């Protein structure tokens, strides 16, 4: 899930919003302004209902952001890199670059999100009590009550031990700690997520078909998302098991085509692309003494093509590239299985393989697919003498 609208950085973490947030924001604001508030507290002005609905929806998404920021902050404190936070239709997602180093770190990273939501729920409940005691307008109190209830519900739902929920991560931490095998723990949490997701789908469809409750469709949608996400985690766990013992250096594409940071967009489009069919190119800083170029970023064909024709001669790669700080980087000796979570479709998601500051290769999903094919073929037709024969 990628952000449609970037919001900048909060506490050093990139934050963005997917377009689907607009839909859920409108549903919450309209549902409160035209439904719950006038039903529970009739006789007020429409403007008051609308204002409270809008403010409550905004605070709800701020609460979601606080939940995800807690994950990101604790992850970074435990040595786990964080890519970004994206708020979307079904909540929020914190994308991390690497796995937790141990079960304890996994437990802390996963558990802090529901804990923050629970604390926020208690804070909003206390606020509702204070507002009521001060005889503040009843719809305002109702908004605080709704925020308290939704945050507590968010904490409880996320604590369910089923991937990809936070509770699934807690279950994975426990299974990892008990059995000592992270991959088997991932598979166990994924199976739990699939079961829980199908239960929600069944309950939602039953509620809709036999009770004519449209909320059942929403429940079924959430369940279907959980099934798909848990299945994806299960597939990744099995893939990582296949790739156990394989390094990034064994899988990457060697000697990638690079472009100097000072090269003009015109030269890039006219010369470099004629010699290569790739859609992404590492950008290097040319060393005066003739040594190997140091990688400074990544440029894609799409970015170069967006430069207006009359500005291509004066625009350089350094001006349009994706900086190295925003590009995924790995070492040739890194375990391939640990790098898999960073690999995503898209030219800009390539991983630059750097050894002692020097670019030695590029890793893409196609490289991983090729390695999986090789390993699968070897398992089906093992060489005489087995894996250690050296043949």
Protein backbone atom coordinates (compact mmCIF):
# COMPACT_ATOMS: atom_id res chain seq x y z
CA UNK A 1 0.00 0.00 0.00
CA UNK A 2 1.59 3.25 -1.15
CA UNK A 3 0.68 6.79 -0.16
CA UNK A 4 -1.30 8.87 -2.64
CA UNK A 5 -0.76 12.09 -0.72
CA UNK A 6 2.52 12.46 1.24
CA UNK A 7 2.17 14.47 4.44
CA UNK A 8 5.87 14.88 5.22
CA UNK A 9 7.80 13.48 8.17
CA UNK A 10 6.76 13.14 11.78
CA UNK A 11 9.47 12.19 14.28
CA UNK A 12 11.69 11.35 11.31
CA UNK A 13 9.18 8.91 9.75
CA UNK A 14 7.59 9.54 6.35
CA UNK A 15 3.80 9.72 6.62
CA UNK A 16 1.31 9.54 3.78
CA UNK A 17 -2.37 9.01 3.07
CA UNK A 18 -3.93 6.64 0.57
CA UNK A 19 -6.84 7.99 -1.48
CA UNK A 20 -9.21 5.50 0.18
CA UNK A 21 -8.95 7.52 3.41
CA UNK A 22 -11.17 10.15 1.79
CA UNK A 23 -13.95 7.54 1.55
CA UNK A 24 -13.76 6.35 5.14
CA UNK A 25 -13.35 9.94 6.40
CA UNK A 26 -16.55 10.95 4.60
CA UNK A 27 -18.41 7.90 5.94
CA UNK A 28 -17.40 8.65 9.53
CA UNK A 29 -18.13 12.37 9.35
CA UNK A 30 -21.45 11.88 7.54
CA UNK A 31 -22.47 8.94 9.74
CA UNK A 32 -22.00 11.04 12.86
CA UNK A 33 -23.43 14.31 11.51
CA UNK A 34 -26.48 12.81 9.81
CA UNK A 35 -26.99 9.71 11.92
CA UNK A 36 -25.76 9.15 15.44
CA UNK A 37 -25.59 12.75 16.69
CA UNK A 38 -29.11 13.92 15.64
CA UNK A 39 -30.60 10.56 16.68
CA UNK A 40 -29.07 10.62 20.16
CA UNK A 41 -29.34 14.38 20.71
CA UNK A 42 -32.06 15.92 18.49
CA UNK A 43 -32.94 19.58 18.32
CA UNK A 44 -29.50 21.04 17.62
CA UNK A 45 -28.45 22.90 14.50
CA UNK A 46 -27.23 21.02 11.43
CA UNK A 47 -24.04 23.11 11.45
CA UNK A 48 -23.17 21.89 14.96
CA UNK A 49 -23.67 18.25 13.96
CA UNK A 50 -21.51 18.73 10.84
CA UNK A 51 -18.72 20.49 12.74
CA UNK A 52 -18.59 17.82 15.45
CA UNK A 53 -18.65 15.07 12.82
CA UNK A 54 -15.74 16.60 10.92
CA UNK A 55 -13.64 17.24 14.05
CA UNK A 56 -14.32 13.73 15.37
CA UNK A 57 -13.26 12.16 12.06
CA UNK A 58 -10.04 14.19 12.04
CA UNK A 59 -9.21 13.23 15.65
CA UNK A 60 -9.93 9.58 14.83
CA UNK A 61 -7.30 9.59 12.08
CA UNK A 62 -4.88 11.39 14.38
CA UNK A 63 -5.45 8.51 16.82
CA UNK A 64 -4.68 6.01 14.05
CA UNK A 65 -1.51 7.91 13.27
CA UNK A 66 -0.48 7.84 16.94
CA UNK A 67 -1.01 4.05 16.94
CA UNK A 68 1.25 3.62 13.90
CA UNK A 69 3.85 6.12 15.10
CA UNK A 70 4.20 4.10 18.29
CA UNK A 71 5.05 1.04 16.21
CA UNK A 72 7.60 3.04 14.19
CA UNK A 73 9.32 4.65 17.19
CA UNK A 74 9.67 1.40 19.12
CA UNK A 75 10.85 -0.40 15.97
CA UNK A 76 13.63 2.12 15.43
CA UNK A 77 14.65 1.92 19.08
CA UNK A 78 15.02 -1.84 18.61
CA UNK A 79 17.24 -1.47 15.54
CA UNK A 80 14.52 -2.10 12.96
CA UNK A 81 14.41 0.34 10.03
CA UNK A 82 11.09 1.95 9.12
CA UNK A 83 10.14 2.91 5.58
CA UNK A 84 6.95 4.89 6.12
CA UNK A 85 3.44 5.03 7.55
CA UNK A 86 0.42 4.97 5.29
CA UNK A 87 -3.15 5.61 6.46
CA UNK A 88 -5.73 3.89 4.29
CA UNK A 89 -9.26 2.50 4.07
CA UNK A 90 -8.94 -0.14 6.81
CA UNK A 91 -6.69 1.77 9.18
CA UNK A 92 -2.95 2.27 9.02
CA UNK A 93 0.19 0.38 8.05
CA UNK A 94 3.77 0.83 9.22
CA UNK A 95 6.19 -0.64 6.70
CA UNK A 96 9.46 -1.84 8.19
CA UNK A 97 12.66 -2.64 6.29
CA UNK A 98 13.89 -5.58 8.36
CA UNK A 99 12.52 -8.13 10.78
CA UNK A 100 12.80 -7.81 14.55
CA UNK A 101 16.13 -9.19 15.82
CA UNK A 102 14.55 -11.34 18.56
CA UNK A 103 11.16 -12.32 20.05
CA UNK A 104 11.42 -9.65 22.73
CA UNK A 105 11.79 -6.88 20.16
CA UNK A 106 8.91 -8.35 18.15
CA UNK A 107 6.76 -8.31 21.28
CA UNK A 108 7.56 -4.68 22.08
CA UNK A 109 7.04 -3.44 18.52
CA UNK A 110 3.71 -5.24 18.10
CA UNK A 111 2.33 -4.60 21.57
CA UNK A 112 2.86 -0.85 21.74
CA UNK A 113 0.21 -0.08 19.08
CA UNK A 114 -2.80 -1.59 20.88
CA UNK A 115 -1.47 -0.19 24.15
CA UNK A 116 -1.47 3.35 22.73
CA UNK A 117 -5.01 2.90 21.36
CA UNK A 118 -6.16 1.61 24.75
CA UNK A 119 -4.61 4.59 26.54
CA UNK A 120 -6.23 6.97 24.05
CA UNK A 121 -9.58 5.27 24.60
CA UNK A 122 -9.25 5.80 28.34
CA UNK A 123 -8.20 9.43 27.81
CA UNK A 124 -11.22 10.15 25.61
CA UNK A 125 -13.50 8.43 28.15
CA UNK A 126 -12.10 10.69 30.87
CA UNK A 127 -12.55 13.70 28.59
CA UNK A 128 -16.18 12.74 27.95
CA UNK A 129 -16.80 12.50 31.70
CA UNK A 130 -15.22 15.92 32.31
CA UNK A 131 -17.18 17.55 29.49
CA UNK A 132 -20.40 16.08 30.82
CA UNK A 133 -19.56 17.26 34.34
CA UNK A 134 -18.99 20.76 32.95
CA UNK A 135 -22.38 20.65 31.19
CA UNK A 136 -20.83 21.01 27.74
CA UNK A 137 -23.19 20.51 24.80
CA UNK A 138 -24.36 16.89 24.63
CA UNK A 139 -23.29 16.32 20.97
CA UNK A 140 -19.75 17.35 21.90
CA UNK A 141 -19.76 14.80 24.73
CA UNK A 142 -21.13 12.22 22.28
CA UNK A 143 -18.18 12.84 19.97
CA UNK A 144 -15.74 12.17 22.83
CA UNK A 145 -17.66 9.02 23.79
CA UNK A 146 -17.46 7.77 20.19
CA UNK A 147 -13.69 8.38 20.11
CA UNK A 148 -13.27 6.51 23.41
CA UNK A 149 -15.28 3.55 22.13
CA UNK A 150 -13.59 3.35 18.72
CA UNK A 151 -10.07 3.49 20.17
CA UNK A 152 -10.84 0.77 22.71
CA UNK A 153 -12.41 -1.31 19.95
CA UNK A 154 -9.33 -0.71 17.79
CA UNK A 155 -7.07 -1.89 20.63
CA UNK A 156 -9.13 -5.04 21.25
CA UNK A 157 -9.48 -5.93 17.56
CA UNK A 158 -5.76 -5.43 16.88
CA UNK A 159 -4.88 -7.63 19.85
CA UNK A 160 -6.60 -10.67 18.29
CA UNK A 161 -3.82 -13.27 17.80
CA UNK A 162 -4.07 -13.46 14.02
CA UNK A 163 -1.76 -12.09 11.30
CA UNK A 164 -1.50 -9.42 10.00
CA UNK A 165 -3.00 -7.80 13.11
CA UNK A 166 -0.75 -6.68 15.94
CA UNK A 167 -2.01 -9.68 17.90
CA UNK A 168 -0.68 -11.87 15.12
CA UNK A 169 2.75 -10.35 15.69
CA UNK A 170 2.37 -11.03 19.41
CA UNK A 171 1.47 -14.65 18.62
CA UNK A 172 4.48 -14.86 16.31
CA UNK A 173 6.75 -13.51 19.06
CA UNK A 174 5.42 -16.15 21.46
CA UNK A 175 5.79 -19.02 18.96
CA UNK A 176 9.25 -17.78 18.03
CA UNK A 177 10.28 -17.61 21.70
CA UNK A 178 8.84 -21.05 22.46
CA UNK A 179 10.11 -22.91 19.39
CA UNK A 180 13.14 -20.85 18.40
CA UNK A 181 12.13 -20.88 14.71
CA UNK A 182 11.01 -17.53 13.33
CA UNK A 183 9.78 -18.91 10.00
CA UNK A 184 7.57 -21.55 11.63
CA UNK A 185 6.26 -18.85 13.95
CA UNK A 186 5.35 -16.73 10.91
CA UNK A 187 3.50 -19.67 9.35
CA UNK A 188 1.58 -20.31 12.59
CA UNK A 189 0.49 -16.68 12.88
CA UNK A 190 -0.49 -16.67 9.20
CA UNK A 191 -2.70 -19.76 9.62
CA UNK A 192 -4.39 -18.12 12.60
CA UNK A 193 -5.02 -15.03 10.49
CA UNK A 194 -6.61 -17.05 7.70
CA UNK A 195 -8.95 -18.82 10.12
CA UNK A 196 -9.96 -15.57 11.83
CA UNK A 197 -10.48 -13.85 8.48
CA UNK A 198 -12.79 -16.57 7.18
CA UNK A 199 -14.76 -16.42 10.45
CA UNK A 200 -15.32 -12.69 9.91
CA UNK A 201 -16.33 -13.27 6.28
CA UNK A 202 -18.86 -15.89 7.38
CA UNK A 203 -20.29 -13.72 10.16
CA UNK A 204 -20.50 -10.71 7.87
CA UNK A 205 -22.30 -12.56 5.08
CA UNK A 206 -24.67 -14.20 7.58
CA UNK A 207 -25.47 -10.81 9.10
CA UNK A 208 -26.14 -9.31 5.67
CA UNK A 209 -28.15 -12.16 4.16
CA UNK A 210 -30.27 -13.07 7.17
CA UNK A 211 -30.35 -9.83 9.07
CA UNK A 212 -30.30 -7.32 6.19
CA UNK A 213 -27.52 -5.48 8.01
CA UNK A 214 -25.28 -3.60 5.59
CA UNK A 215 -22.63 -3.46 8.30
CA UNK A 216 -22.19 -7.16 7.63
CA UNK A 217 -20.68 -6.36 4.24
CA UNK A 218 -18.09 -4.18 5.92
CA UNK A 219 -17.27 -7.00 8.34
CA UNK A 220 -16.94 -9.43 5.42
CA UNK A 221 -14.64 -6.98 3.62
CA UNK A 222 -12.37 -6.75 6.65
CA UNK A 223 -12.35 -10.53 6.93
CA UNK A 224 -11.45 -10.93 3.26
CA UNK A 225 -8.58 -8.46 3.64
CA UNK A 226 -7.27 -10.43 6.62
CA UNK A 227 -7.44 -13.70 4.67
CA UNK A 228 -5.51 -12.20 1.75
CA UNK A 229 -2.91 -10.51 3.96
CA UNK A 230 -2.41 -13.61 6.13
CA UNK A 231 -2.07 -15.80 3.03
CA UNK A 232 0.58 -13.42 1.67
CA UNK A 233 2.51 -13.65 4.95
CA UNK A 234 2.29 -17.43 4.83
CA UNK A 235 3.65 -17.49 1.27
CA UNK A 236 6.50 -15.18 2.26
CA UNK A 237 7.37 -17.42 5.20
CA UNK A 238 7.56 -20.45 2.90
CA UNK A 239 9.60 -18.48 0.39
CA UNK A 240 12.05 -17.41 3.06
CA UNK A 241 12.39 -21.02 4.13
CA UNK A 242 13.31 -21.98 0.56
CA UNK A 243 15.88 -19.16 0.40
CA UNK A 244 17.46 -19.93 3.77
CA UNK A 245 21.24 -19.85 3.47
CA UNK A 246 21.25 -17.83 0.23
CA UNK A 247 22.94 -14.43 0.27
CA UNK A 248 22.13 -11.24 -1.59
CA UNK A 249 25.44 -11.48 -3.44
CA UNK A 250 24.50 -14.90 -4.85
CA UNK A 251 21.21 -13.55 -6.21
CA UNK A 252 21.83 -9.98 -7.37
CA UNK A 253 22.48 -8.82 -10.92
CA UNK A 254 26.19 -8.03 -11.20
CA UNK A 255 27.82 -5.08 -12.98
CA UNK A 256 24.65 -2.98 -13.34
CA UNK A 257 24.49 -0.14 -15.85
CA UNK A 258 25.07 3.10 -13.94
CA UNK A 259 24.70 6.77 -14.85
CA UNK A 260 26.83 9.69 -13.58
CA UNK A 261 25.10 12.18 -11.33
CA UNK A 262 26.06 15.01 -13.70
CA UNK A 263 24.67 13.37 -16.85
CA UNK A 264 21.91 15.37 -18.53
CA UNK A 265 18.44 13.91 -18.94
CA UNK A 266 18.75 14.34 -22.72
CA UNK A 267 21.94 12.27 -22.88
CA UNK A 268 20.38 9.68 -20.61
CA UNK A 269 17.30 9.26 -22.78
CA UNK A 270 19.23 9.30 -26.06
CA UNK A 271 22.35 7.26 -25.19
CA UNK A 272 21.95 5.14 -22.07
CA UNK A 273 18.56 3.72 -22.93
CA UNK A 274 19.84 2.55 -26.32
CA UNK A 275 22.34 0.30 -24.51
CA UNK A 276 20.03 -1.05 -21.84
CA UNK A 277 16.48 -2.30 -21.44
CA UNK A 278 16.28 -1.60 -17.72
CA UNK A 279 13.77 0.81 -16.20
CA UNK A 280 15.88 1.86 -13.20
CA UNK A 281 19.54 2.87 -12.99
CA UNK A 282 21.85 3.49 -10.03
CA UNK A 283 23.25 7.03 -10.05
CA UNK A 284 26.92 7.30 -9.12
CA UNK A 285 29.19 10.15 -8.18
CA UNK A 286 32.24 10.10 -10.42
CA UNK A 287 35.49 10.00 -8.42
CA UNK A 288 38.15 12.38 -9.87
CA UNK A 289 41.04 9.98 -9.35
CA UNK A 290 39.33 7.35 -11.49
CA UNK A 291 38.18 5.05 -8.70
CA UNK A 292 34.83 3.28 -8.62
CA UNK A 293 31.81 5.55 -8.50
CA UNK A 294 29.96 5.88 -5.22
CA UNK A 295 26.18 5.37 -5.41
CA UNK A 296 24.19 8.49 -4.57
CA UNK A 297 20.70 7.50 -5.70
CA UNK A 298 18.44 5.75 -8.19
CA UNK A 299 16.78 7.16 -11.28
CA UNK A 300 13.88 5.62 -13.19
CA UNK A 301 12.86 5.96 -16.80
CA UNK A 302 9.52 7.29 -15.62
CA UNK A 303 11.13 10.17 -13.72
CA UNK A 304 13.34 11.07 -16.66
CA UNK A 305 10.39 11.02 -19.04
CA UNK A 306 8.50 13.50 -16.85
CA UNK A 307 11.11 16.22 -17.45
CA UNK A 308 9.84 18.70 -20.11
CA UNK A 309 11.67 18.44 -23.43
CA UNK A 310 12.97 22.00 -23.29
CA UNK A 311 14.57 21.37 -19.89
CA UNK A 312 16.23 18.01 -20.52
CA UNK A 313 19.58 19.46 -21.58
CA UNK A 314 19.98 21.54 -18.43
CA UNK A 315 18.55 18.98 -15.97
CA UNK A 316 20.91 16.38 -14.52
CA UNK A 317 20.40 12.95 -12.97
CA UNK A 318 21.24 14.38 -9.55
CA UNK A 319 18.24 16.71 -9.80
CA UNK A 320 15.65 14.04 -10.61
CA UNK A 321 17.05 10.94 -8.88
CA UNK A 322 15.63 9.26 -5.82
CA UNK A 323 18.24 10.04 -3.12
CA UNK A 324 20.20 7.22 -1.57
CA UNK A 325 18.56 7.96 1.78
CA UNK A 326 15.20 7.02 0.25
CA UNK A 327 16.56 3.99 -1.63
CA UNK A 328 16.83 0.50 -0.22
CA UNK A 329 20.41 -0.66 0.26
CA UNK A 330 21.81 -4.07 1.22
CA UNK A 331 25.22 -5.73 1.50
CA UNK A 332 26.28 -8.72 -0.62
CA UNK A 333 26.66 -10.87 2.50
CA UNK A 334 23.19 -10.11 3.87
CA UNK A 335 20.83 -13.12 4.01
CA UNK A 336 18.41 -12.90 1.10
CA UNK A 337 15.54 -14.04 3.30
CA UNK A 338 15.99 -10.99 5.56
CA UNK A 339 15.89 -8.61 2.58
CA UNK A 340 12.67 -10.02 1.10
CA UNK A 341 10.33 -7.68 3.04
CA UNK A 342 12.00 -4.72 1.30
CA UNK A 343 11.40 -6.04 -2.22
CA UNK A 344 8.32 -4.63 -3.90
CA UNK A 345 7.15 -4.27 -7.50
CA UNK A 346 8.16 -1.04 -9.21
CA UNK A 347 11.35 0.30 -10.72
CA UNK A 348 11.97 2.68 -7.83
CA UNK A 349 11.90 -0.20 -5.32
CA UNK A 350 15.11 -1.85 -6.58
CA UNK A 351 17.69 -2.64 -3.90
CA UNK A 352 21.22 -1.34 -4.44
CA UNK A 353 23.87 -3.77 -3.24
CA UNK A 354 26.80 -1.85 -1.78
CA UNK A 355 30.09 -3.22 -0.44
CA UNK A 356 32.34 -0.82 1.45
CA UNK A 357 30.62 2.15 -0.18
CA UNK A 358 30.99 0.75 -3.70
CA UNK A 359 28.06 -0.42 -5.82
CA UNK A 360 28.47 -4.11 -6.70
CA UNK A 361 25.00 -5.06 -7.91
CA UNK A 362 21.25 -4.51 -7.99
CA UNK A 363 18.57 -6.80 -6.56
CA UNK A 364 15.06 -6.97 -8.03
CA UNK A 365 12.06 -9.32 -7.66
CA UNK A 366 13.02 -10.98 -10.96
CA UNK A 367 16.44 -11.88 -9.48
CA UNK A 368 14.71 -13.57 -6.54
CA UNK A 369 12.33 -15.42 -8.87
CA UNK A 370 15.31 -16.68 -10.86
CA UNK A 371 17.02 -17.93 -7.70
CA UNK A 372 13.83 -19.66 -6.52
CA UNK A 373 13.64 -21.39 -9.91
CA UNK A 374 17.24 -22.59 -9.60
CA UNK A 375 16.71 -23.91 -6.06
CA UNK A 376 13.47 -25.62 -7.04
CA UNK A 377 15.15 -27.31 -10.01
CA UNK A 378 18.00 -28.52 -7.80
CA UNK A 379 15.57 -29.97 -5.29
CA UNK A 380 13.74 -31.83 -8.04
CA UNK A 381 16.96 -33.00 -9.75
CA UNK A 382 19.73 -33.03 -7.13
CA UNK A 383 23.30 -33.34 -8.37
CA UNK A 384 25.20 -36.58 -7.55
CA UNK A 385 26.68 -36.32 -4.11
CA UNK A 386 24.05 -33.85 -2.86
CA UNK A 387 24.35 -30.15 -2.09
CA UNK A 388 27.85 -30.39 -0.71
CA UNK A 389 29.37 -32.13 -3.70
CA UNK A 390 30.70 -28.90 -5.13
CA UNK A 391 29.72 -29.85 -8.67
